Amino acid sequence: MATTHRTYSFEAPPDLADRLAQARAGFGRLASHAPDVEDWIAREVEMGLARLRGEAGDLARDSATFMHGAVELLVGVVEKVAAGLDGEEDLRAWDREDAEGDAFQRGALRASTRIWQDE
């Protein structure tokens, strides 16, 4: 009896299972931000594929390596865009609280004070 599904396997770091679970949840969140994040996701996929170019020979020869690379690419993109969205909300909250940019100026002055005191 022929089956319509096939199981694939590959070796991966121990944390991939947790990252996959988080990526599944994060992917649903990204979908709610569509179409605002679609260009961003496309750019991240494009850059991820460019980074994999050096491994193209291994990816083409071994299906397990290809699957692992594909999963890492997708999980990495979801992680990066989700983290960016989290940061974006933090920046908006900071902007609402600090419309004049005072916090940035105070932080920059404190950082530069340490530099100037060393001289």
Protein backbone atom coordinates (compact mmCIF):
# COMPACT_ATOMS: atom_id res chain seq x y z
CA MET A 1 0.00 0.00 0.00
CA ALA A 2 1.49 3.33 -1.07
CA THR A 3 1.61 6.16 1.41
CA THR A 4 1.29 9.84 0.57
CA HIS A 5 3.59 10.96 3.39
CA ARG A 6 7.21 10.29 4.15
CA THR A 7 9.20 10.88 7.32
CA TYR A 8 12.50 12.75 7.10
CA SER A 9 15.13 12.98 9.79
CA PHE A 10 18.33 14.89 10.42
CA GLU A 11 20.68 15.57 13.28
CA ALA A 12 20.27 18.92 15.00
CA PRO A 13 21.36 20.70 18.15
CA PRO A 14 19.34 19.89 21.29
CA ASP A 15 17.76 23.35 21.43
CA LEU A 16 16.16 23.06 17.98
CA ALA A 17 12.98 21.47 19.36
CA ASP A 18 12.39 24.47 21.64
CA ARG A 19 13.29 26.90 18.85
CA LEU A 20 10.83 25.13 16.52
CA ALA A 21 8.04 25.41 19.08
CA GLN A 22 8.77 29.10 19.58
CA ALA A 23 8.99 29.65 15.81
CA ARG A 24 5.58 28.01 15.29
CA ALA A 25 4.04 30.38 17.83
CA GLY A 26 6.00 33.33 16.43
CA PHE A 27 4.97 32.54 12.87
CA GLY A 28 1.32 32.92 13.82
CA ARG A 29 2.16 36.29 15.34
CA LEU A 30 4.00 37.38 12.19
CA ALA A 31 0.96 36.50 10.11
CA SER A 32 -1.08 38.97 12.14
CA HIS A 33 1.39 41.71 11.11
CA ALA A 34 1.03 40.96 7.39
CA PRO A 35 1.49 42.70 5.00
CA ASP A 36 3.74 45.04 7.04
CA VAL A 37 6.43 42.41 7.65
CA GLU A 38 6.28 40.50 4.36
CA ASP A 39 9.07 42.49 2.68
CA TRP A 40 11.19 42.15 5.82
CA ILE A 41 10.66 38.37 5.88
CA ALA A 42 11.52 38.12 2.18
CA ARG A 43 14.77 40.06 2.72
CA GLU A 44 15.72 37.86 5.67
CA VAL A 45 15.10 34.70 3.61
CA GLU A 46 17.16 36.14 0.78
CA MET A 47 20.04 36.97 3.12
CA GLY A 48 19.79 33.54 4.74
CA LEU A 49 20.01 31.84 1.36
CA ALA A 50 23.03 33.97 0.50
CA ARG A 51 24.72 32.84 3.74
CA LEU A 52 24.02 29.20 2.79
CA ARG A 53 25.67 29.62 -0.60
CA GLY A 54 28.99 28.41 0.81
CA GLU A 55 27.33 25.17 1.90
CA ALA A 56 25.53 24.59 -1.42
CA GLY A 57 27.60 21.51 -2.28
CA ASP A 58 26.83 19.77 1.02
CA LEU A 59 23.18 20.81 0.86
CA ALA A 60 22.80 19.41 -2.65
CA ARG A 61 24.52 16.09 -1.84
CA ASP A 62 22.77 15.20 1.40
CA SER A 63 19.02 15.46 1.93
CA ALA A 64 19.40 15.49 5.73
CA THR A 65 21.81 18.44 5.53
CA PHE A 66 19.43 20.20 3.14
CA MET A 67 16.46 19.68 5.50
CA HIS A 68 18.46 20.85 8.50
CA GLY A 69 19.58 23.97 6.59
CA ALA A 70 16.02 24.70 5.45
CA VAL A 71 14.61 24.34 8.96
CA GLU A 72 17.37 26.50 10.48
CA LEU A 73 16.76 29.14 7.80
CA LEU A 74 13.03 29.34 8.48
CA VAL A 75 13.40 29.25 12.27
CA GLY A 76 16.12 31.91 12.14
CA VAL A 77 13.98 34.22 10.01
CA VAL A 78 10.99 33.88 12.32
CA GLU A 79 13.20 34.47 15.39
CA LYS A 80 14.81 37.56 13.90
CA VAL A 81 11.62 39.21 12.68
CA ALA A 82 9.75 38.38 15.91
CA ALA A 83 12.60 39.87 17.96
CA GLY A 84 12.50 42.95 15.75
CA LEU A 85 8.79 43.35 16.34
CA ASP A 86 9.34 43.05 20.09
CA GLY A 87 12.02 45.71 19.89
CA GLU A 88 9.79 47.91 17.78
CA GLU A 89 7.11 47.94 20.46
CA ASP A 90 9.72 48.75 23.12
CA LEU A 91 10.95 51.65 20.99
CA ARG A 92 7.41 52.95 20.52
CA ALA A 93 6.80 52.81 24.27
CA TRP A 94 10.09 54.61 24.91
CA ASP A 95 9.22 57.21 22.29
CA ARG A 96 5.83 57.84 23.91
CA GLU A 97 7.51 58.35 27.29
CA ASP A 98 10.45 60.40 26.02
CA ALA A 99 9.23 62.62 23.21
CA GLU A 100 12.11 65.09 23.66
CA GLY A 101 14.85 62.45 23.46
CA ASP A 102 16.09 63.37 26.94
CA ALA A 103 16.82 59.78 27.93
CA PHE A 104 19.01 59.27 24.87
CA GLN A 105 20.89 62.50 25.53
CA ARG A 106 21.44 61.67 29.21
CA GLY A 107 22.68 58.18 28.31
CA ALA A 108 25.04 59.54 25.66
CA LEU A 109 26.41 62.13 28.08
CA ARG A 110 26.95 59.50 30.79
CA ALA A 111 28.74 57.22 28.33
CA SER A 112 30.95 60.02 27.00
CA THR A 113 31.76 61.22 30.53
CA ARG A 114 33.48 57.90 31.28
CA ILE A 115 35.53 58.24 28.10
CA TRP A 116 36.61 61.81 28.85
CA GLN A 117 37.41 61.02 32.49
CA ASP A 118 39.90 58.33 31.40
CA GLU A 119 42.03 60.87 29.56
